[in-house]
Amino acid sequence: MKDNHPDPVVVGKYPTEFEAALVRNMLVEAGIPSQTAGGMTAGFRAETPGMVQVLVPGEFAEVAREMIAEQKANPDS
């Protein structure tokens, strides 16, 4: 299913703000607007730790997911 809308779509979830920021920065450098959400619940900042989400506008979701998958498959590149 293709997300052709401007509403934010979660393209990744990470246990730390640092990991999420690395992904967000990679996407921004590629021209994909992105943001993170959930930093205050990551790690041990909250009673129930959560994950930091990386969000992009729906129209960029497919490309962003492909970039993230490629980066995971080739972490040294």
PDB file of N, CA and C in Angstrom:
ATOM      1  N   MET A   1       0.840  -1.186   0.000  1.00  0.00           N
ATOM      2  CA  MET A   1       0.000   0.000   0.000  1.00  0.00           C
ATOM      3  C   MET A   1       0.882   1.246   0.000  1.00  0.00           C
ATOM      4  N   LYS A   2       0.589   2.153  -0.870  1.00  0.00           N
ATOM      5  CA  LYS A   2       1.379   3.375  -0.984  1.00  0.00           C
ATOM      6  C   LYS A   2       0.707   4.489  -0.189  1.00  0.00           C
ATOM      7  N   ASP A   3       1.505   5.204   0.605  1.00  0.00           N
ATOM      8  CA  ASP A   3       0.994   6.299   1.425  1.00  0.00           C
ATOM      9  C   ASP A   3       1.164   7.606   0.665  1.00  0.00           C
ATOM     10  N   ASN A   4       0.131   8.067  -0.026  1.00  0.00           N
ATOM     11  CA  ASN A   4       0.206   9.319  -0.792  1.00  0.00           C
ATOM     12  C   ASN A   4      -0.532  10.432  -0.070  1.00  0.00           C
ATOM     13  N   HIS A   5      -0.090  10.752   1.097  1.00  0.00           N
ATOM     14  CA  HIS A   5      -0.726  11.819   1.864  1.00  0.00           C
ATOM     15  C   HIS A   5       0.329  12.537   2.706  1.00  0.00           C
ATOM     16  N   PRO A   6       0.040  13.758   3.104  1.00  0.00           N
ATOM     17  CA  PRO A   6       1.029  14.523   3.872  1.00  0.00           C
ATOM     18  C   PRO A   6       1.064  14.171   5.357  1.00  0.00           C
ATOM     19  N   ASP A   7       0.093  13.384   5.846  1.00  0.00           N
ATOM     20  CA  ASP A   7       0.070  13.049   7.266  1.00  0.00           C
ATOM     21  C   ASP A   7       1.323  12.257   7.637  1.00  0.00           C
ATOM     22  N   PRO A   8       1.849  12.470   8.846  1.00  0.00           N
ATOM     23  CA  PRO A   8       3.057  11.754   9.257  1.00  0.00           C
ATOM     24  C   PRO A   8       2.827  10.242   9.325  1.00  0.00           C
ATOM     25  N   VAL A   9       3.838   9.504   8.876  1.00  0.00           N
ATOM     26  CA  VAL A   9       3.820   8.048   8.895  1.00  0.00           C
ATOM     27  C   VAL A   9       5.075   7.580   9.628  1.00  0.00           C
ATOM     28  N   VAL A  10       4.930   6.616  10.516  1.00  0.00           N
ATOM     29  CA  VAL A  10       6.074   6.063  11.240  1.00  0.00           C
ATOM     30  C   VAL A  10       6.831   5.127  10.291  1.00  0.00           C
ATOM     31  N   VAL A  11       8.109   5.397  10.094  1.00  0.00           N
ATOM     32  CA  VAL A  11       8.925   4.553   9.226  1.00  0.00           C
ATOM     33  C   VAL A  11       9.977   3.770  10.013  1.00  0.00           C
ATOM     34  N   GLY A  12      10.092   4.029  11.294  1.00  0.00           N
ATOM     35  CA  GLY A  12      11.027   3.292  12.128  1.00  0.00           C
ATOM     36  C   GLY A  12      10.823   3.591  13.594  1.00  0.00           C
ATOM     37  N   LYS A  13      11.180   2.605  14.440  1.00  0.00           N
ATOM     38  CA  LYS A  13      11.114   2.768  15.895  1.00  0.00           C
ATOM     39  C   LYS A  13      12.448   2.316  16.466  1.00  0.00           C
ATOM     40  N   TYR A  14      12.992   3.140  17.385  1.00  0.00           N
ATOM     41  CA  TYR A  14      14.326   2.897  17.910  1.00  0.00           C
ATOM     42  C   TYR A  14      14.324   3.053  19.428  1.00  0.00           C
ATOM     43  N   PRO A  15      15.181   2.294  20.126  1.00  0.00           N
ATOM     44  CA  PRO A  15      15.185   2.338  21.588  1.00  0.00           C
ATOM     45  C   PRO A  15      15.795   3.605  22.182  1.00  0.00           C
ATOM     46  N   THR A  16      16.605   4.332  21.398  1.00  0.00           N
ATOM     47  CA  THR A  16      17.233   5.538  21.925  1.00  0.00           C
ATOM     48  C   THR A  16      17.040   6.723  20.982  1.00  0.00           C
ATOM     49  N   GLU A  17      17.116   7.912  21.553  1.00  0.00           N
ATOM     50  CA  GLU A  17      17.037   9.134  20.747  1.00  0.00           C
ATOM     51  C   GLU A  17      18.209   9.211  19.770  1.00  0.00           C
ATOM     52  N   PHE A  18      19.370   8.739  20.192  1.00  0.00           N
ATOM     53  CA  PHE A  18      20.555   8.795  19.343  1.00  0.00           C
ATOM     54  C   PHE A  18      20.350   7.994  18.058  1.00  0.00           C
ATOM     55  N   GLU A  19      19.871   6.756  18.189  1.00  0.00           N
ATOM     56  CA  GLU A  19      19.645   5.917  17.006  1.00  0.00           C
ATOM     57  C   GLU A  19      18.606   6.544  16.078  1.00  0.00           C
ATOM     58  N   ALA A  20      17.531   7.060  16.661  1.00  0.00           N
ATOM     59  CA  ALA A  20      16.489   7.699  15.860  1.00  0.00           C
ATOM     60  C   ALA A  20      17.032   8.943  15.164  1.00  0.00           C
ATOM     61  N   ALA A  21      17.876   9.702  15.847  1.00  0.00           N
ATOM     62  CA  ALA A  21      18.450  10.911  15.254  1.00  0.00           C
ATOM     63  C   ALA A  21      19.359  10.575  14.079  1.00  0.00           C
ATOM     64  N   LEU A  22      20.103   9.489  14.175  1.00  0.00           N
ATOM     65  CA  LEU A  22      20.957   9.077  13.056  1.00  0.00           C
ATOM     66  C   LEU A  22      20.115   8.791  11.810  1.00  0.00           C
ATOM     67  N   VAL A  23      19.012   8.088  11.998  1.00  0.00           N
ATOM     68  CA  VAL A  23      18.132   7.768  10.872  1.00  0.00           C
ATOM     69  C   VAL A  23      17.483   9.043  10.345  1.00  0.00           C
ATOM     70  N   ARG A  24      16.990   9.877  11.242  1.00  0.00           N
ATOM     71  CA  ARG A  24      16.364  11.131  10.817  1.00  0.00           C
ATOM     72  C   ARG A  24      17.348  11.975  10.015  1.00  0.00           C
ATOM     73  N   ASN A  25      18.575  12.077  10.487  1.00  0.00           N
ATOM     74  CA  ASN A  25      19.586  12.861   9.779  1.00  0.00           C
ATOM     75  C   ASN A  25      19.876  12.291   8.394  1.00  0.00           C
ATOM     76  N   MET A  26      19.931  10.963   8.284  1.00  0.00           N
ATOM     77  CA  MET A  26      20.156  10.333   6.989  1.00  0.00           C
ATOM     78  C   MET A  26      19.034  10.707   6.017  1.00  0.00           C
ATOM     79  N   LEU A  27      17.803  10.668   6.505  1.00  0.00           N
ATOM     80  CA  LEU A  27      16.659  10.994   5.654  1.00  0.00           C
ATOM     81  C   LEU A  27      16.668  12.469   5.259  1.00  0.00           C
ATOM     82  N   VAL A  28      16.948  13.346   6.214  1.00  0.00           N
ATOM     83  CA  VAL A  28      16.987  14.786   5.929  1.00  0.00           C
ATOM     84  C   VAL A  28      18.060  15.089   4.892  1.00  0.00           C
ATOM     85  N   GLU A  29      19.227  14.460   5.029  1.00  0.00           N
ATOM     86  CA  GLU A  29      20.301  14.673   4.058  1.00  0.00           C
ATOM     87  C   GLU A  29      19.901  14.225   2.656  1.00  0.00           C
ATOM     88  N   ALA A  30      18.967  13.265   2.567  1.00  0.00           N
ATOM     89  CA  ALA A  30      18.484  12.773   1.277  1.00  0.00           C
ATOM     90  C   ALA A  30      17.300  13.601   0.770  1.00  0.00           C
ATOM     91  N   GLY A  31      16.945  14.658   1.514  1.00  0.00           N
ATOM     92  CA  GLY A  31      15.852  15.526   1.093  1.00  0.00           C
ATOM     93  C   GLY A  31      14.472  15.080   1.545  1.00  0.00           C
ATOM     94  N   ILE A  32      14.423  14.152   2.496  1.00  0.00           N
ATOM     95  CA  ILE A  32      13.144  13.666   3.013  1.00  0.00           C
ATOM     96  C   ILE A  32      12.870  14.349   4.343  1.00  0.00           C
ATOM     97  N   PRO A  33      11.817  15.175   4.410  1.00  0.00           N
ATOM     98  CA  PRO A  33      11.496  15.815   5.685  1.00  0.00           C
ATOM     99  C   PRO A  33      11.166  14.732   6.720  1.00  0.00           C
ATOM    100  N   SER A  34      11.735  14.848   7.898  1.00  0.00           N
ATOM    101  CA  SER A  34      11.458  13.852   8.925  1.00  0.00           C
ATOM    102  C   SER A  34      11.592  14.466  10.304  1.00  0.00           C
ATOM    103  N   GLN A  35      11.015  13.773  11.264  1.00  0.00           N
ATOM    104  CA  GLN A  35      11.075  14.216  12.658  1.00  0.00           C
ATOM    105  C   GLN A  35      11.048  12.992  13.552  1.00  0.00           C
ATOM    106  N   THR A  36      11.380  13.207  14.827  1.00  0.00           N
ATOM    107  CA  THR A  36      11.312  12.127  15.795  1.00  0.00           C
ATOM    108  C   THR A  36      10.259  12.461  16.842  1.00  0.00           C
ATOM    109  N   ALA A  37       9.709  11.414  17.432  1.00  0.00           N
ATOM    110  CA  ALA A  37       8.708  11.585  18.493  1.00  0.00           C
ATOM    111  C   ALA A  37       8.898  10.472  19.510  1.00  0.00           C
ATOM    112  N   GLY A  38       8.700  10.791  20.762  1.00  0.00           N
ATOM    113  CA  GLY A  38       8.764   9.789  21.812  1.00  0.00           C
ATOM    114  C   GLY A  38      10.052   9.783  22.604  1.00  0.00           C
ATOM    115  N   GLY A  39      10.872  10.800  22.443  1.00  0.00           N
ATOM    116  CA  GLY A  39      12.148  10.838  23.147  1.00  0.00           C
ATOM    117  C   GLY A  39      12.020  10.810  24.659  1.00  0.00           C
ATOM    118  N   MET A  40      10.989  11.405  25.186  1.00  0.00           N
ATOM    119  CA  MET A  40      10.834  11.459  26.644  1.00  0.00           C
ATOM    120  C   MET A  40      10.438  10.108  27.243  1.00  0.00           C
ATOM    121  N   THR A  41       9.962   9.180  26.425  1.00  0.00           N
ATOM    122  CA  THR A  41       9.598   7.869  26.962  1.00  0.00           C
ATOM    123  C   THR A  41      10.640   6.808  26.642  1.00  0.00           C
ATOM    124  N   ALA A  42      11.680   7.172  25.924  1.00  0.00           N
ATOM    125  CA  ALA A  42      12.721   6.209  25.586  1.00  0.00           C
ATOM    126  C   ALA A  42      13.626   5.956  26.784  1.00  0.00           C
ATOM    127  N   GLY A  43      14.232   4.810  26.782  1.00  0.00           N
ATOM    128  CA  GLY A  43      15.162   4.471  27.850  1.00  0.00           C
ATOM    129  C   GLY A  43      14.469   4.417  29.195  1.00  0.00           C
ATOM    130  N   PHE A  44      15.044   5.068  30.189  1.00  0.00           N
ATOM    131  CA  PHE A  44      14.476   5.016  31.529  1.00  0.00           C
ATOM    132  C   PHE A  44      13.959   6.360  32.006  1.00  0.00           C
ATOM    133  N   ARG A  45      13.516   7.207  31.103  1.00  0.00           N
ATOM    134  CA  ARG A  45      13.000   8.514  31.486  1.00  0.00           C
ATOM    135  C   ARG A  45      11.563   8.462  31.975  1.00  0.00           C
ATOM    136  N   ALA A  46      10.906   7.371  31.705  1.00  0.00           N
ATOM    137  CA  ALA A  46       9.497   7.257  32.090  1.00  0.00           C
ATOM    138  C   ALA A  46       9.308   5.934  32.818  1.00  0.00           C
ATOM    139  N   GLU A  47       8.203   5.831  33.521  1.00  0.00           N
ATOM    140  CA  GLU A  47       7.881   4.594  34.226  1.00  0.00           C
ATOM    141  C   GLU A  47       7.829   3.419  33.253  1.00  0.00           C
ATOM    142  N   THR A  48       7.245   3.627  32.093  1.00  0.00           N
ATOM    143  CA  THR A  48       7.134   2.586  31.078  1.00  0.00           C
ATOM    144  C   THR A  48       7.920   3.028  29.856  1.00  0.00           C
ATOM    145  N   PRO A  49       9.154   2.541  29.712  1.00  0.00           N
ATOM    146  CA  PRO A  49       9.962   2.971  28.580  1.00  0.00           C
ATOM    147  C   PRO A  49       9.297   2.655  27.241  1.00  0.00           C
ATOM    148  N   GLY A  50       9.498   3.548  26.294  1.00  0.00           N
ATOM    149  CA  GLY A  50       8.938   3.367  24.965  1.00  0.00           C
ATOM    150  C   GLY A  50      10.027   3.459  23.920  1.00  0.00           C
ATOM    151  N   MET A  51       9.602   3.614  22.703  1.00  0.00           N
ATOM    152  CA  MET A  51      10.516   3.709  21.578  1.00  0.00           C
ATOM    153  C   MET A  51      10.423   5.105  20.974  1.00  0.00           C
ATOM    154  N   VAL A  52      11.505   5.537  20.334  1.00  0.00           N
ATOM    155  CA  VAL A  52      11.514   6.810  19.625  1.00  0.00           C
ATOM    156  C   VAL A  52      11.132   6.502  18.178  1.00  0.00           C
ATOM    157  N   GLN A  53      10.129   7.185  17.691  1.00  0.00           N
ATOM    158  CA  GLN A  53       9.643   6.965  16.335  1.00  0.00           C
ATOM    159  C   GLN A  53      10.250   7.980  15.376  1.00  0.00           C
ATOM    160  N   VAL A  54      10.521   7.534  14.165  1.00  0.00           N
ATOM    161  CA  VAL A  54      10.926   8.428  13.091  1.00  0.00           C
ATOM    162  C   VAL A  54       9.724   8.539  12.167  1.00  0.00           C
ATOM    163  N   LEU A  55       9.286   9.778  11.921  1.00  0.00           N
ATOM    164  CA  LEU A  55       8.109  10.020  11.093  1.00  0.00           C
ATOM    165  C   LEU A  55       8.469  10.844   9.869  1.00  0.00           C
ATOM    166  N   VAL A  56       7.794  10.542   8.761  1.00  0.00           N
ATOM    167  CA  VAL A  56       7.952  11.303   7.523  1.00  0.00           C
ATOM    168  C   VAL A  56       6.565  11.532   6.943  1.00  0.00           C
ATOM    169  N   PRO A  57       6.400  12.551   6.077  1.00  0.00           N
ATOM    170  CA  PRO A  57       5.118  12.702   5.378  1.00  0.00           C
ATOM    171  C   PRO A  57       4.839  11.433   4.566  1.00  0.00           C
ATOM    172  N   GLY A  58       3.582  11.044   4.501  1.00  0.00           N
ATOM    173  CA  GLY A  58       3.194   9.805   3.838  1.00  0.00           C
ATOM    174  C   GLY A  58       3.753   9.637   2.448  1.00  0.00           C
ATOM    175  N   GLU A  59       3.850  10.719   1.699  1.00  0.00           N
ATOM    176  CA  GLU A  59       4.332  10.615   0.320  1.00  0.00           C
ATOM    177  C   GLU A  59       5.801  10.189   0.239  1.00  0.00           C
ATOM    178  N   PHE A  60       6.546  10.305   1.348  1.00  0.00           N
ATOM    179  CA  PHE A  60       7.953   9.910   1.374  1.00  0.00           C
ATOM    180  C   PHE A  60       8.175   8.567   2.079  1.00  0.00           C
ATOM    181  N   ALA A  61       7.116   7.964   2.606  1.00  0.00           N
ATOM    182  CA  ALA A  61       7.253   6.775   3.445  1.00  0.00           C
ATOM    183  C   ALA A  61       7.927   5.611   2.726  1.00  0.00           C
ATOM    184  N   GLU A  62       7.525   5.320   1.517  1.00  0.00           N
ATOM    185  CA  GLU A  62       8.079   4.173   0.799  1.00  0.00           C
ATOM    186  C   GLU A  62       9.579   4.334   0.571  1.00  0.00           C
ATOM    187  N   VAL A  63       9.995   5.500   0.107  1.00  0.00           N
ATOM    188  CA  VAL A  63      11.418   5.761  -0.139  1.00  0.00           C
ATOM    189  C   VAL A  63      12.194   5.721   1.171  1.00  0.00           C
ATOM    190  N   ALA A  64      11.632   6.302   2.227  1.00  0.00           N
ATOM    191  CA  ALA A  64      12.310   6.310   3.525  1.00  0.00           C
ATOM    192  C   ALA A  64      12.505   4.894   4.044  1.00  0.00           C
ATOM    193  N   ARG A  65      11.482   4.061   3.939  1.00  0.00           N
ATOM    194  CA  ARG A  65      11.600   2.674   4.401  1.00  0.00           C
ATOM    195  C   ARG A  65      12.665   1.926   3.602  1.00  0.00           C
ATOM    196  N   GLU A  66      12.724   2.176   2.295  1.00  0.00           N
ATOM    197  CA  GLU A  66      13.745   1.531   1.466  1.00  0.00           C
ATOM    198  C   GLU A  66      15.146   1.963   1.897  1.00  0.00           C
ATOM    199  N   MET A  67      15.322   3.256   2.169  1.00  0.00           N
ATOM    200  CA  MET A  67      16.625   3.750   2.609  1.00  0.00           C
ATOM    201  C   MET A  67      17.025   3.138   3.944  1.00  0.00           C
ATOM    202  N   ILE A  68      16.072   3.041   4.864  1.00  0.00           N
ATOM    203  CA  ILE A  68      16.354   2.466   6.182  1.00  0.00           C
ATOM    204  C   ILE A  68      16.726   0.995   6.037  1.00  0.00           C
ATOM    205  N   ALA A  69      15.993   0.265   5.209  1.00  0.00           N
ATOM    206  CA  ALA A  69      16.283  -1.159   4.995  1.00  0.00           C
ATOM    207  C   ALA A  69      17.665  -1.347   4.374  1.00  0.00           C
ATOM    208  N   GLU A  70      18.006  -0.494   3.420  1.00  0.00           N
ATOM    209  CA  GLU A  70      19.320  -0.577   2.781  1.00  0.00           C
ATOM    210  C   GLU A  70      20.428  -0.279   3.782  1.00  0.00           C
ATOM    211  N   GLN A  71      20.208   0.705   4.639  1.00  0.00           N
ATOM    212  CA  GLN A  71      21.212   1.061   5.644  1.00  0.00           C
ATOM    213  C   GLN A  71      21.389  -0.082   6.637  1.00  0.00           C
ATOM    214  N   LYS A  72      20.287  -0.753   7.010  1.00  0.00           N
ATOM    215  CA  LYS A  72      20.389  -1.893   7.933  1.00  0.00           C
ATOM    216  C   LYS A  72      21.132  -3.059   7.293  1.00  0.00           C
ATOM    217  N   ALA A  73      20.907  -3.271   5.983  1.00  0.00           N
ATOM    218  CA  ALA A  73      21.559  -4.362   5.273  1.00  0.00           C
ATOM    219  C   ALA A  73      23.049  -4.096   5.056  1.00  0.00           C
ATOM    220  N   ASN A  74      23.412  -2.803   4.957  1.00  0.00           N
ATOM    221  CA  ASN A  74      24.809  -2.394   4.711  1.00  0.00           C
ATOM    222  C   ASN A  74      25.229  -1.342   5.729  1.00  0.00           C
ATOM    223  N   PRO A  75      25.371  -1.714   6.993  1.00  0.00           N
ATOM    224  CA  PRO A  75      25.646  -0.713   8.039  1.00  0.00           C
ATOM    225  C   PRO A  75      26.986   0.005   7.903  1.00  0.00           C
ATOM    226  N   ASP A  76      27.925  -0.562   7.169  1.00  0.00           N
ATOM    227  CA  ASP A  76      29.246   0.062   7.037  1.00  0.00           C
ATOM    228  C   ASP A  76      29.337   1.045   5.887  1.00  0.00           C
ATOM    229  N   SER A  77      28.239   1.208   5.086  1.00  0.00           N
ATOM    230  CA  SER A  77      28.327   2.141   3.956  1.00  0.00           C
ATOM    231  C   SER A  77      27.862   3.508   4.307  1.00  0.00           C
TER     232      SER A  77
END
